Amino acid sequence: MARPNRINIEKEFYHILTKGNHRQEVFLTDTYRKRFLECLEKYAAIFNYKLHCYYLMSNHIYAGTFR
């Protein structure tokens, strides 16, 4: 079942976490990591988010952002 939509409040800190299924790797190569960071930068600009931190691990990703 999908999670219900969350309230999107300006000037709030958001902690973002995503994981691979069954602890599978999310990024198989450094090329995938680079492409992910390019997309992260692009969409942060489009949606007016300020990315303050991120951490890419082999099977999960953390990010912290303000809107």
C-alpha atoms as a PDB file:
ATOM      1  CA  MET A   1       0.000   0.000   0.000  1.00  0.00           C
ATOM      2  CA  ALA A   2       1.312   3.442  -0.912  1.00  0.00           C
ATOM      3  CA  ARG A   3       2.129   5.937   1.798  1.00  0.00           C
ATOM      4  CA  PRO A   4      -0.280   8.910   1.967  1.00  0.00           C
ATOM      5  CA  ASN A   5       0.960  12.252   0.614  1.00  0.00           C
ATOM      6  CA  ARG A   6       2.774  14.378   3.153  1.00  0.00           C
ATOM      7  CA  ILE A   7       2.242  18.033   3.830  1.00  0.00           C
ATOM      8  CA  ASN A   8       4.867  20.121   2.060  1.00  0.00           C
ATOM      9  CA  ILE A   9       5.774  23.073   4.296  1.00  0.00           C
ATOM     10  CA  GLU A  10       8.184  25.830   3.308  1.00  0.00           C
ATOM     11  CA  LYS A  11      11.257  26.431   5.459  1.00  0.00           C
ATOM     12  CA  GLU A  12      11.133  22.941   6.945  1.00  0.00           C
ATOM     13  CA  PHE A  13      13.977  20.426   6.991  1.00  0.00           C
ATOM     14  CA  TYR A  14      13.296  17.179   5.166  1.00  0.00           C
ATOM     15  CA  HIS A  15      15.222  13.972   5.771  1.00  0.00           C
ATOM     16  CA  ILE A  16      15.110  11.751   2.700  1.00  0.00           C
ATOM     17  CA  LEU A  17      16.010   8.073   2.745  1.00  0.00           C
ATOM     18  CA  THR A  18      15.766   5.457   0.039  1.00  0.00           C
ATOM     19  CA  LYS A  19      16.953   1.857   0.169  1.00  0.00           C
ATOM     20  CA  GLY A  20      17.543  -1.006  -2.236  1.00  0.00           C
ATOM     21  CA  ASN A  21      15.132  -3.933  -1.955  1.00  0.00           C
ATOM     22  CA  HIS A  22      16.434  -6.794   0.199  1.00  0.00           C
ATOM     23  CA  ARG A  23      19.661  -4.824   0.822  1.00  0.00           C
ATOM     24  CA  GLN A  24      20.519  -4.876  -2.869  1.00  0.00           C
ATOM     25  CA  GLU A  25      22.976  -2.294  -4.139  1.00  0.00           C
ATOM     26  CA  VAL A  26      21.454   0.922  -5.437  1.00  0.00           C
ATOM     27  CA  PHE A  27      24.522   2.047  -7.402  1.00  0.00           C
ATOM     28  CA  LEU A  28      26.429  -0.564  -9.352  1.00  0.00           C
ATOM     29  CA  THR A  29      29.122   1.822 -10.647  1.00  0.00           C
ATOM     30  CA  ASP A  30      30.467   5.316 -10.036  1.00  0.00           C
ATOM     31  CA  THR A  31      28.758   6.367 -13.283  1.00  0.00           C
ATOM     32  CA  TYR A  32      25.377   5.664 -11.664  1.00  0.00           C
ATOM     33  CA  ARG A  33      26.368   7.669  -8.600  1.00  0.00           C
ATOM     34  CA  LYS A  34      27.420  10.619 -10.747  1.00  0.00           C
ATOM     35  CA  ARG A  35      24.186  10.511 -12.756  1.00  0.00           C
ATOM     36  CA  PHE A  36      22.144  10.396  -9.540  1.00  0.00           C
ATOM     37  CA  LEU A  37      23.936  13.492  -8.207  1.00  0.00           C
ATOM     38  CA  GLU A  38      23.313  15.316 -11.494  1.00  0.00           C
ATOM     39  CA  CYS A  39      19.590  14.528 -11.249  1.00  0.00           C
ATOM     40  CA  LEU A  40      19.536  15.511  -7.578  1.00  0.00           C
ATOM     41  CA  GLU A  41      21.033  18.908  -8.411  1.00  0.00           C
ATOM     42  CA  LYS A  42      18.687  19.429 -11.365  1.00  0.00           C
ATOM     43  CA  TYR A  43      15.469  18.660  -9.495  1.00  0.00           C
ATOM     44  CA  ALA A  44      16.501  20.543  -6.366  1.00  0.00           C
ATOM     45  CA  ALA A  45      16.768  23.637  -8.582  1.00  0.00           C
ATOM     46  CA  ILE A  46      13.470  22.956 -10.375  1.00  0.00           C
ATOM     47  CA  PHE A  47      11.524  22.490  -7.135  1.00  0.00           C
ATOM     48  CA  ASN A  48      13.424  25.183  -5.202  1.00  0.00           C
ATOM     49  CA  TYR A  49      15.012  22.936  -2.580  1.00  0.00           C
ATOM     50  CA  LYS A  50      18.371  23.660  -0.969  1.00  0.00           C
ATOM     51  CA  LEU A  51      20.295  20.453  -0.518  1.00  0.00           C
ATOM     52  CA  HIS A  52      22.373  20.649   2.670  1.00  0.00           C
ATOM     53  CA  CYS A  53      23.784  17.173   2.891  1.00  0.00           C
ATOM     54  CA  TYR A  54      23.722  13.788   1.232  1.00  0.00           C
ATOM     55  CA  TYR A  55      25.376  10.445   1.751  1.00  0.00           C
ATOM     56  CA  LEU A  56      25.487   7.769  -0.926  1.00  0.00           C
ATOM     57  CA  MET A  57      26.068   4.269   0.339  1.00  0.00           C
ATOM     58  CA  SER A  58      26.084   1.059  -1.658  1.00  0.00           C
ATOM     59  CA  ASN A  59      22.531   0.069  -0.705  1.00  0.00           C
ATOM     60  CA  HIS A  60      20.892   3.297   0.509  1.00  0.00           C
ATOM     61  CA  ILE A  61      20.870   7.063   0.194  1.00  0.00           C
ATOM     62  CA  TYR A  62      20.391   9.793   2.805  1.00  0.00           C
ATOM     63  CA  ALA A  63      19.721  13.440   1.972  1.00  0.00           C
ATOM     64  CA  GLY A  64      18.770  16.476   3.995  1.00  0.00           C
ATOM     65  CA  THR A  65      17.114  19.492   2.420  1.00  0.00           C
ATOM     66  CA  PHE A  66      15.227  22.697   3.177  1.00  0.00           C
ATOM     67  CA  ARG A  67      12.436  24.074   1.028  1.00  0.00           C
END
